[in-house]
Amino acid sequence: MKIRQEKEEDYKQVFFLIKDAFKNIEHSDHQEHFLVEKLRRSDAFIPELSLVAENENGEIAGHILFTRITIENGPESYVSLALAPVSVKPEFQNRGVGAKLIQEGHTIAENLGYSSVILIGHEKYYPRFGYEKTSNFGISFPFEIPEENGMAIELVKDGLKNIKGVVKYPQEFGTD
């Protein structure tokens, strides 16, 4: 499995991959494929952090997107990343594709100078990559979610030290 930056000619294939990946997911609004399209056109988009996993036949098996967000605390604002979504074609799920995308994304994000990632996800999946509850850092969301599903990781030592506040998503997330 090769991880590479997504190219414009991948967009259509990735659109359907994301749609398929989430079609049977219970806690989904089934709009993730549209969200990715909107985020690609936003100021929060970082082309180097829109990645695909390609199998040996050149078929795209998975996709991950990290976008720029901020953590707001009164007049203070801290830059972070949102991981949303990570998508794996159903026939490639449970084969480590998502894990490879997450790990490579973390490496690239750190190399680009980002120090943390925030996500809303499955409490049993993401801790294996080092994610822990955002509440441990004093970070919250602008909407109600179960505490165990809001998670963060420090990509560098103390990447979230003394950073507290509320996650502010780009308008494309529709969280306002």
N, C-alpha and C. Protein backbone atom coordinates (compact mmCIF):
# COMPACT_ATOMS: atom_id res chain seq x y z
N MET A 1 0.86 -1.18 0.00
CA MET A 1 0.00 0.00 0.00
C MET A 1 0.90 1.23 0.00
N LYS A 2 0.69 2.08 -0.96
CA LYS A 2 1.48 3.31 -1.09
C LYS A 2 0.60 4.49 -0.67
N ILE A 3 1.13 5.34 0.18
CA ILE A 3 0.42 6.56 0.60
C ILE A 3 1.02 7.72 -0.18
N ARG A 4 0.14 8.52 -0.80
CA ARG A 4 0.62 9.67 -1.57
C ARG A 4 -0.39 10.80 -1.46
N GLN A 5 0.05 12.00 -1.85
CA GLN A 5 -0.84 13.15 -1.86
C GLN A 5 -1.91 12.95 -2.92
N GLU A 6 -3.13 13.29 -2.57
CA GLU A 6 -4.25 13.22 -3.51
C GLU A 6 -4.02 14.22 -4.64
N LYS A 7 -4.39 13.83 -5.84
CA LYS A 7 -4.30 14.72 -7.01
C LYS A 7 -5.71 15.07 -7.47
N GLU A 8 -5.82 16.13 -8.22
CA GLU A 8 -7.13 16.55 -8.71
C GLU A 8 -7.82 15.44 -9.51
N GLU A 9 -7.07 14.68 -10.28
CA GLU A 9 -7.69 13.60 -11.07
C GLU A 9 -8.20 12.44 -10.20
N ASP A 10 -7.87 12.46 -8.90
CA ASP A 10 -8.38 11.44 -7.96
C ASP A 10 -9.74 11.81 -7.39
N TYR A 11 -10.14 13.09 -7.50
CA TYR A 11 -11.30 13.60 -6.77
C TYR A 11 -12.57 12.77 -6.99
N LYS A 12 -12.87 12.41 -8.24
CA LYS A 12 -14.10 11.68 -8.51
C LYS A 12 -14.07 10.30 -7.86
N GLN A 13 -12.95 9.62 -8.00
CA GLN A 13 -12.81 8.29 -7.40
C GLN A 13 -12.90 8.38 -5.88
N VAL A 14 -12.26 9.39 -5.30
CA VAL A 14 -12.29 9.57 -3.85
C VAL A 14 -13.70 9.90 -3.37
N PHE A 15 -14.45 10.69 -4.13
CA PHE A 15 -15.84 11.02 -3.79
C PHE A 15 -16.64 9.74 -3.55
N PHE A 16 -16.57 8.81 -4.51
CA PHE A 16 -17.34 7.56 -4.38
C PHE A 16 -16.77 6.63 -3.33
N LEU A 17 -15.46 6.65 -3.15
CA LEU A 17 -14.84 5.85 -2.10
C LEU A 17 -15.37 6.28 -0.73
N ILE A 18 -15.40 7.60 -0.48
CA ILE A 18 -15.88 8.12 0.81
C ILE A 18 -17.36 7.77 0.99
N LYS A 19 -18.14 7.95 -0.05
CA LYS A 19 -19.57 7.63 0.02
C LYS A 19 -19.77 6.16 0.40
N ASP A 20 -19.02 5.26 -0.27
CA ASP A 20 -19.12 3.82 0.04
C ASP A 20 -18.64 3.51 1.45
N ALA A 21 -17.56 4.15 1.86
CA ALA A 21 -16.98 3.87 3.17
C ALA A 21 -17.94 4.18 4.31
N PHE A 22 -18.78 5.20 4.13
CA PHE A 22 -19.68 5.62 5.21
C PHE A 22 -21.12 5.17 5.03
N LYS A 23 -21.43 4.48 3.95
CA LYS A 23 -22.85 4.19 3.67
C LYS A 23 -23.53 3.34 4.74
N ASN A 24 -22.78 2.47 5.42
CA ASN A 24 -23.39 1.62 6.45
C ASN A 24 -22.96 1.99 7.87
N ILE A 25 -22.40 3.18 8.03
CA ILE A 25 -21.94 3.63 9.34
C ILE A 25 -23.10 4.27 10.09
N GLU A 26 -23.35 3.74 11.28
CA GLU A 26 -24.50 4.19 12.07
C GLU A 26 -24.41 5.67 12.46
N HIS A 27 -23.26 6.10 12.99
CA HIS A 27 -23.13 7.48 13.47
C HIS A 27 -22.54 8.37 12.36
N SER A 28 -23.25 8.46 11.27
CA SER A 28 -22.81 9.26 10.13
C SER A 28 -24.02 9.97 9.54
N ASP A 29 -23.78 11.19 9.04
CA ASP A 29 -24.87 11.88 8.34
C ASP A 29 -24.84 11.54 6.85
N HIS A 30 -23.89 10.68 6.46
CA HIS A 30 -23.72 10.22 5.07
C HIS A 30 -23.50 11.38 4.10
N GLN A 31 -22.84 12.43 4.62
CA GLN A 31 -22.51 13.61 3.80
C GLN A 31 -21.00 13.85 3.74
N GLU A 32 -20.22 12.90 4.23
CA GLU A 32 -18.77 13.08 4.31
C GLU A 32 -18.14 13.38 2.95
N HIS A 33 -18.63 12.74 1.90
CA HIS A 33 -18.08 12.96 0.55
C HIS A 33 -18.31 14.40 0.09
N PHE A 34 -19.45 14.98 0.48
CA PHE A 34 -19.71 16.39 0.15
C PHE A 34 -18.85 17.33 1.00
N LEU A 35 -18.64 16.95 2.27
CA LEU A 35 -17.80 17.74 3.16
C LEU A 35 -16.38 17.86 2.58
N VAL A 36 -15.82 16.76 2.12
CA VAL A 36 -14.47 16.79 1.55
C VAL A 36 -14.42 17.71 0.34
N GLU A 37 -15.44 17.65 -0.51
CA GLU A 37 -15.47 18.56 -1.67
C GLU A 37 -15.46 20.02 -1.23
N LYS A 38 -16.25 20.35 -0.20
CA LYS A 38 -16.30 21.73 0.29
C LYS A 38 -14.97 22.13 0.91
N LEU A 39 -14.38 21.24 1.68
CA LEU A 39 -13.13 21.57 2.36
C LEU A 39 -11.99 21.79 1.38
N ARG A 40 -11.99 21.06 0.27
CA ARG A 40 -10.94 21.26 -0.74
C ARG A 40 -10.94 22.69 -1.28
N ARG A 41 -12.10 23.34 -1.26
CA ARG A 41 -12.22 24.70 -1.79
C ARG A 41 -12.08 25.76 -0.69
N SER A 42 -11.77 25.33 0.53
CA SER A 42 -11.73 26.27 1.66
C SER A 42 -10.31 26.73 1.96
N ASP A 43 -10.22 27.77 2.77
CA ASP A 43 -8.92 28.26 3.24
C ASP A 43 -8.27 27.26 4.20
N ALA A 44 -9.04 26.36 4.77
CA ALA A 44 -8.52 25.39 5.73
C ALA A 44 -7.81 24.21 5.04
N PHE A 45 -7.99 24.10 3.73
CA PHE A 45 -7.43 22.96 2.98
C PHE A 45 -5.91 23.06 2.88
N ILE A 46 -5.25 21.94 3.15
CA ILE A 46 -3.79 21.83 3.04
C ILE A 46 -3.54 20.66 2.08
N PRO A 47 -3.20 20.94 0.82
CA PRO A 47 -3.07 19.87 -0.18
C PRO A 47 -2.17 18.71 0.26
N GLU A 48 -1.09 19.02 0.98
CA GLU A 48 -0.15 17.98 1.43
C GLU A 48 -0.77 17.03 2.44
N LEU A 49 -1.91 17.42 3.02
CA LEU A 49 -2.57 16.60 4.04
C LEU A 49 -3.89 16.01 3.56
N SER A 50 -4.05 15.93 2.25
CA SER A 50 -5.15 15.18 1.64
C SER A 50 -4.47 14.00 0.95
N LEU A 51 -4.57 12.85 1.60
CA LEU A 51 -3.77 11.69 1.20
C LEU A 51 -4.65 10.53 0.73
N VAL A 52 -4.10 9.74 -0.18
CA VAL A 52 -4.76 8.52 -0.61
C VAL A 52 -3.82 7.34 -0.38
N ALA A 53 -4.44 6.18 -0.16
CA ALA A 53 -3.72 4.92 -0.09
C ALA A 53 -4.01 4.19 -1.39
N GLU A 54 -2.95 3.80 -2.06
CA GLU A 54 -3.08 3.17 -3.36
C GLU A 54 -2.52 1.75 -3.27
N ASN A 55 -3.28 0.76 -3.78
CA ASN A 55 -2.77 -0.60 -3.74
C ASN A 55 -1.79 -0.83 -4.88
N GLU A 56 -1.24 -2.04 -4.96
CA GLU A 56 -0.21 -2.35 -5.97
C GLU A 56 -0.73 -2.23 -7.40
N ASN A 57 -2.06 -2.26 -7.59
CA ASN A 57 -2.65 -2.09 -8.92
C ASN A 57 -2.99 -0.64 -9.24
N GLY A 58 -2.63 0.27 -8.34
CA GLY A 58 -2.92 1.69 -8.55
C GLY A 58 -4.34 2.07 -8.19
N GLU A 59 -5.09 1.16 -7.56
CA GLU A 59 -6.47 1.45 -7.15
C GLU A 59 -6.44 2.18 -5.81
N ILE A 60 -7.24 3.23 -5.70
CA ILE A 60 -7.31 3.98 -4.45
C ILE A 60 -8.19 3.21 -3.47
N ALA A 61 -7.57 2.82 -2.34
CA ALA A 61 -8.25 2.01 -1.33
C ALA A 61 -8.71 2.85 -0.14
N GLY A 62 -8.11 4.03 0.05
CA GLY A 62 -8.46 4.85 1.20
C GLY A 62 -8.07 6.29 0.99
N HIS A 63 -8.61 7.15 1.85
CA HIS A 63 -8.36 8.59 1.79
C HIS A 63 -8.43 9.15 3.21
N ILE A 64 -7.61 10.16 3.45
CA ILE A 64 -7.67 10.88 4.72
C ILE A 64 -7.49 12.35 4.45
N LEU A 65 -8.13 13.16 5.27
CA LEU A 65 -8.02 14.61 5.12
C LEU A 65 -7.80 15.25 6.50
N PHE A 66 -6.77 16.07 6.57
CA PHE A 66 -6.52 16.90 7.74
C PHE A 66 -6.69 18.35 7.28
N THR A 67 -7.47 19.13 7.99
CA THR A 67 -7.66 20.54 7.63
C THR A 67 -7.32 21.43 8.82
N ARG A 68 -7.01 22.67 8.51
CA ARG A 68 -6.62 23.64 9.53
C ARG A 68 -7.84 24.06 10.34
N ILE A 69 -7.67 24.04 11.66
CA ILE A 69 -8.69 24.55 12.58
C ILE A 69 -7.97 25.43 13.61
N THR A 70 -8.74 26.05 14.46
CA THR A 70 -8.15 26.77 15.58
C THR A 70 -8.82 26.34 16.87
N ILE A 71 -8.11 26.57 17.95
CA ILE A 71 -8.66 26.38 19.30
C ILE A 71 -8.71 27.79 19.88
N GLU A 72 -9.92 28.24 20.20
CA GLU A 72 -10.14 29.62 20.63
C GLU A 72 -10.35 29.69 22.14
N ASN A 73 -9.66 30.64 22.75
CA ASN A 73 -9.82 30.88 24.18
C ASN A 73 -9.81 32.39 24.39
N GLY A 74 -11.01 32.97 24.33
CA GLY A 74 -11.10 34.43 24.42
C GLY A 74 -10.34 35.05 23.26
N PRO A 75 -9.39 35.97 23.57
CA PRO A 75 -8.64 36.61 22.49
C PRO A 75 -7.53 35.72 21.91
N GLU A 76 -7.24 34.62 22.58
CA GLU A 76 -6.16 33.75 22.12
C GLU A 76 -6.67 32.72 21.13
N SER A 77 -5.84 32.44 20.13
CA SER A 77 -6.21 31.47 19.10
C SER A 77 -4.98 30.63 18.78
N TYR A 78 -5.16 29.31 18.76
CA TYR A 78 -4.07 28.38 18.51
C TYR A 78 -4.42 27.53 17.29
N VAL A 79 -3.45 27.35 16.41
CA VAL A 79 -3.67 26.56 15.20
C VAL A 79 -3.52 25.07 15.53
N SER A 80 -4.41 24.28 14.98
CA SER A 80 -4.35 22.82 15.10
C SER A 80 -4.89 22.25 13.79
N LEU A 81 -5.06 20.95 13.76
CA LEU A 81 -5.64 20.27 12.59
C LEU A 81 -6.84 19.44 13.02
N ALA A 82 -7.78 19.31 12.11
CA ALA A 82 -8.89 18.37 12.30
C ALA A 82 -8.64 17.19 11.39
N LEU A 83 -8.79 15.99 11.91
CA LEU A 83 -8.74 14.79 11.09
C LEU A 83 -10.19 14.45 10.80
N ALA A 84 -10.59 14.62 9.56
CA ALA A 84 -11.98 14.30 9.18
C ALA A 84 -12.12 14.43 7.67
N PRO A 85 -12.57 13.41 7.04
CA PRO A 85 -12.72 12.05 7.55
C PRO A 85 -11.53 11.17 7.12
N VAL A 86 -11.49 9.98 7.70
CA VAL A 86 -10.63 8.92 7.19
C VAL A 86 -11.58 7.89 6.60
N SER A 87 -11.33 7.49 5.37
CA SER A 87 -12.25 6.62 4.64
C SER A 87 -11.49 5.48 3.98
N VAL A 88 -12.02 4.27 4.13
CA VAL A 88 -11.42 3.11 3.49
C VAL A 88 -12.53 2.36 2.76
N LYS A 89 -12.26 2.03 1.50
CA LYS A 89 -13.23 1.26 0.72
C LYS A 89 -13.61 0.00 1.49
N PRO A 90 -14.89 -0.36 1.51
CA PRO A 90 -15.32 -1.52 2.30
C PRO A 90 -14.48 -2.78 2.08
N GLU A 91 -14.11 -3.07 0.84
CA GLU A 91 -13.35 -4.30 0.60
C GLU A 91 -11.91 -4.24 1.10
N PHE A 92 -11.44 -3.05 1.51
CA PHE A 92 -10.08 -2.92 2.05
C PHE A 92 -10.08 -2.64 3.56
N GLN A 93 -11.26 -2.60 4.17
CA GLN A 93 -11.34 -2.30 5.60
C GLN A 93 -10.77 -3.47 6.41
N ASN A 94 -10.30 -3.14 7.61
CA ASN A 94 -9.70 -4.10 8.54
C ASN A 94 -8.43 -4.73 7.98
N ARG A 95 -7.70 -3.96 7.18
CA ARG A 95 -6.42 -4.44 6.64
C ARG A 95 -5.28 -3.46 6.94
N GLY A 96 -5.54 -2.49 7.82
CA GLY A 96 -4.49 -1.55 8.20
C GLY A 96 -4.36 -0.33 7.30
N VAL A 97 -5.26 -0.18 6.34
CA VAL A 97 -5.17 0.97 5.41
C VAL A 97 -5.39 2.28 6.17
N GLY A 98 -6.42 2.33 6.98
CA GLY A 98 -6.70 3.54 7.76
C GLY A 98 -5.54 3.89 8.68
N ALA A 99 -4.97 2.87 9.32
CA ALA A 99 -3.83 3.09 10.22
C ALA A 99 -2.65 3.69 9.48
N LYS A 100 -2.36 3.18 8.29
CA LYS A 100 -1.24 3.71 7.50
C LYS A 100 -1.50 5.16 7.11
N LEU A 101 -2.75 5.48 6.73
CA LEU A 101 -3.10 6.85 6.37
C LEU A 101 -2.92 7.79 7.57
N ILE A 102 -3.39 7.36 8.73
CA ILE A 102 -3.28 8.18 9.94
C ILE A 102 -1.82 8.42 10.30
N GLN A 103 -1.02 7.35 10.32
CA GLN A 103 0.38 7.48 10.71
C GLN A 103 1.16 8.36 9.73
N GLU A 104 0.95 8.16 8.43
CA GLU A 104 1.64 8.98 7.43
C GLU A 104 1.17 10.43 7.53
N GLY A 105 -0.14 10.63 7.75
CA GLY A 105 -0.67 11.98 7.92
C GLY A 105 -0.05 12.69 9.11
N HIS A 106 0.12 11.97 10.22
CA HIS A 106 0.76 12.56 11.40
C HIS A 106 2.19 12.99 11.08
N THR A 107 2.92 12.14 10.39
CA THR A 107 4.32 12.45 10.05
C THR A 107 4.40 13.69 9.16
N ILE A 108 3.57 13.74 8.14
CA ILE A 108 3.57 14.89 7.23
C ILE A 108 3.16 16.16 7.98
N ALA A 109 2.12 16.06 8.80
CA ALA A 109 1.64 17.22 9.57
C ALA A 109 2.75 17.77 10.48
N GLU A 110 3.44 16.86 11.16
CA GLU A 110 4.53 17.29 12.04
C GLU A 110 5.64 17.95 11.21
N ASN A 111 5.98 17.36 10.07
CA ASN A 111 7.01 17.94 9.20
C ASN A 111 6.62 19.32 8.67
N LEU A 112 5.30 19.56 8.54
CA LEU A 112 4.81 20.86 8.09
C LEU A 112 4.74 21.88 9.22
N GLY A 113 5.04 21.43 10.45
CA GLY A 113 5.07 22.35 11.59
C GLY A 113 3.83 22.34 12.46
N TYR A 114 2.91 21.43 12.23
CA TYR A 114 1.72 21.34 13.08
C TYR A 114 2.06 20.53 14.32
N SER A 115 1.46 20.91 15.45
CA SER A 115 1.82 20.25 16.70
C SER A 115 0.70 19.42 17.30
N SER A 116 -0.51 19.47 16.72
CA SER A 116 -1.61 18.68 17.29
C SER A 116 -2.69 18.40 16.25
N VAL A 117 -3.49 17.39 16.57
CA VAL A 117 -4.64 17.03 15.73
C VAL A 117 -5.83 16.77 16.66
N ILE A 118 -6.99 17.24 16.24
CA ILE A 118 -8.25 17.06 16.98
C ILE A 118 -9.18 16.22 16.09
N LEU A 119 -9.96 15.35 16.71
CA LEU A 119 -10.94 14.59 15.93
C LEU A 119 -12.13 14.21 16.78
N ILE A 120 -13.19 13.85 16.09
CA ILE A 120 -14.35 13.23 16.73
C ILE A 120 -14.43 11.85 16.11
N GLY A 121 -14.30 10.83 16.94
CA GLY A 121 -14.25 9.49 16.38
C GLY A 121 -14.51 8.41 17.39
N HIS A 122 -14.30 7.19 16.95
CA HIS A 122 -14.59 6.01 17.76
C HIS A 122 -13.57 5.86 18.89
N GLU A 123 -14.09 5.81 20.11
CA GLU A 123 -13.23 5.81 21.31
C GLU A 123 -12.36 4.56 21.44
N LYS A 124 -12.67 3.51 20.70
CA LYS A 124 -11.85 2.30 20.79
C LYS A 124 -10.81 2.22 19.66
N TYR A 125 -10.96 3.03 18.62
CA TYR A 125 -10.05 2.96 17.48
C TYR A 125 -8.86 3.92 17.62
N TYR A 126 -9.12 5.18 17.87
CA TYR A 126 -8.08 6.20 17.80
C TYR A 126 -7.05 6.20 18.93
N PRO A 127 -7.38 5.74 20.15
CA PRO A 127 -6.35 5.72 21.20
C PRO A 127 -5.10 4.90 20.83
N ARG A 128 -5.23 3.92 19.95
CA ARG A 128 -4.04 3.12 19.57
C ARG A 128 -2.99 3.98 18.85
N PHE A 129 -3.41 5.14 18.34
CA PHE A 129 -2.47 6.04 17.66
C PHE A 129 -1.96 7.14 18.60
N GLY A 130 -2.40 7.10 19.85
CA GLY A 130 -1.97 8.10 20.82
C GLY A 130 -3.00 9.16 21.14
N TYR A 131 -4.18 9.05 20.55
CA TYR A 131 -5.23 10.03 20.83
C TYR A 131 -5.79 9.82 22.23
N GLU A 132 -6.10 10.92 22.88
CA GLU A 132 -6.77 10.87 24.18
C GLU A 132 -7.87 11.93 24.21
N LYS A 133 -8.71 11.85 25.22
CA LYS A 133 -9.85 12.76 25.29
C LYS A 133 -9.39 14.22 25.31
N THR A 134 -10.08 15.05 24.53
CA THR A 134 -9.75 16.48 24.51
C THR A 134 -9.96 17.10 25.89
N SER A 135 -10.87 16.54 26.67
CA SER A 135 -11.13 17.08 28.01
C SER A 135 -9.87 16.99 28.88
N ASN A 136 -8.99 16.03 28.60
CA ASN A 136 -7.72 15.93 29.33
C ASN A 136 -6.85 17.16 29.12
N PHE A 137 -7.05 17.85 28.01
CA PHE A 137 -6.26 19.03 27.67
C PHE A 137 -7.00 20.34 27.96
N GLY A 138 -8.28 20.24 28.35
CA GLY A 138 -9.07 21.45 28.56
C GLY A 138 -9.61 22.01 27.24
N ILE A 139 -9.80 21.12 26.27
CA ILE A 139 -10.32 21.51 24.96
C ILE A 139 -11.72 20.94 24.80
N SER A 140 -12.63 21.77 24.31
CA SER A 140 -14.01 21.33 24.12
C SER A 140 -14.47 21.65 22.70
N PHE A 141 -15.69 21.24 22.40
CA PHE A 141 -16.26 21.42 21.06
C PHE A 141 -17.41 22.42 21.14
N PRO A 142 -17.76 23.05 20.02
CA PRO A 142 -18.83 24.05 20.02
C PRO A 142 -20.23 23.42 19.97
N PHE A 143 -20.30 22.12 20.18
CA PHE A 143 -21.56 21.38 20.15
C PHE A 143 -21.41 20.19 21.08
N GLU A 144 -22.52 19.58 21.40
CA GLU A 144 -22.51 18.45 22.33
C GLU A 144 -22.07 17.17 21.63
N ILE A 145 -21.10 16.48 22.22
CA ILE A 145 -20.72 15.13 21.78
C ILE A 145 -20.39 14.34 23.04
N PRO A 146 -20.47 13.01 22.98
CA PRO A 146 -20.03 12.23 24.13
C PRO A 146 -18.54 12.50 24.38
N GLU A 147 -18.19 12.71 25.63
CA GLU A 147 -16.82 13.09 25.99
C GLU A 147 -15.77 12.15 25.40
N GLU A 148 -16.06 10.86 25.40
CA GLU A 148 -15.06 9.89 24.93
C GLU A 148 -14.81 9.94 23.42
N ASN A 149 -15.66 10.64 22.67
CA ASN A 149 -15.49 10.70 21.21
C ASN A 149 -14.70 11.92 20.73
N GLY A 150 -14.49 12.89 21.59
CA GLY A 150 -13.67 14.05 21.23
C GLY A 150 -12.23 13.78 21.66
N MET A 151 -11.33 13.71 20.69
CA MET A 151 -9.96 13.31 20.99
C MET A 151 -8.93 14.23 20.36
N ALA A 152 -7.74 14.18 20.95
CA ALA A 152 -6.62 14.99 20.46
C ALA A 152 -5.33 14.20 20.61
N ILE A 153 -4.35 14.57 19.80
CA ILE A 153 -3.01 14.02 19.92
C ILE A 153 -2.01 15.15 19.79
N GLU A 154 -0.96 15.07 20.57
CA GLU A 154 0.16 15.99 20.43
C GLU A 154 1.14 15.34 19.47
N LEU A 155 1.39 15.99 18.35
CA LEU A 155 2.33 15.45 17.37
C LEU A 155 3.78 15.67 17.81
N VAL A 156 3.97 16.67 18.65
CA VAL A 156 5.29 16.96 19.23
C VAL A 156 5.10 17.05 20.74
N LYS A 157 6.18 16.86 21.47
CA LYS A 157 6.10 16.92 22.93
C LYS A 157 5.50 18.26 23.36
N ASP A 158 4.49 18.18 24.22
CA ASP A 158 3.81 19.37 24.76
C ASP A 158 3.13 20.21 23.68
N GLY A 159 2.72 19.57 22.60
CA GLY A 159 2.06 20.27 21.49
C GLY A 159 0.76 20.97 21.88
N LEU A 160 0.16 20.53 22.98
CA LEU A 160 -1.07 21.18 23.47
C LEU A 160 -0.90 21.74 24.88
N LYS A 161 0.34 21.82 25.34
CA LYS A 161 0.59 22.33 26.69
C LYS A 161 0.10 23.78 26.79
N ASN A 162 -0.66 24.05 27.82
CA ASN A 162 -1.20 25.40 28.09
C ASN A 162 -2.15 25.89 27.00
N ILE A 163 -2.65 25.00 26.17
CA ILE A 163 -3.63 25.38 25.15
C ILE A 163 -4.98 24.84 25.59
N LYS A 164 -5.87 25.75 25.92
CA LYS A 164 -7.21 25.37 26.33
C LYS A 164 -8.19 26.20 25.51
N GLY A 165 -9.40 25.68 25.36
CA GLY A 165 -10.39 26.47 24.64
C GLY A 165 -11.35 25.60 23.87
N VAL A 166 -12.04 26.24 22.92
CA VAL A 166 -13.08 25.59 22.14
C VAL A 166 -12.60 25.47 20.69
N VAL A 167 -12.79 24.29 20.12
CA VAL A 167 -12.41 24.06 18.73
C VAL A 167 -13.28 24.93 17.82
N LYS A 168 -12.65 25.61 16.90
CA LYS A 168 -13.39 26.39 15.90
C LYS A 168 -13.11 25.76 14.54
N TYR A 169 -14.16 25.21 13.97
CA TYR A 169 -14.07 24.55 12.67
C TYR A 169 -14.30 25.55 11.54
N PRO A 170 -13.75 25.27 10.37
CA PRO A 170 -14.09 26.09 9.19
C PRO A 170 -15.59 26.00 8.94
N GLN A 171 -16.17 27.04 8.35
CA GLN A 171 -17.62 27.08 8.13
C GLN A 171 -18.11 25.89 7.31
N GLU A 172 -17.22 25.29 6.49
CA GLU A 172 -17.63 24.17 5.63
C GLU A 172 -18.10 22.98 6.44
N PHE A 173 -17.66 22.88 7.70
CA PHE A 173 -18.11 21.79 8.57
C PHE A 173 -19.56 21.98 9.00
N GLY A 174 -20.08 23.22 8.88
CA GLY A 174 -21.47 23.46 9.23
C GLY A 174 -21.74 23.34 10.72
N THR A 175 -20.74 23.73 11.55
CA THR A 175 -20.91 23.58 13.00
C THR A 175 -21.40 24.84 13.68
N ASP A 176 -21.47 25.95 12.94
CA ASP A 176 -21.88 27.22 13.57
C ASP A 176 -23.38 27.26 13.79
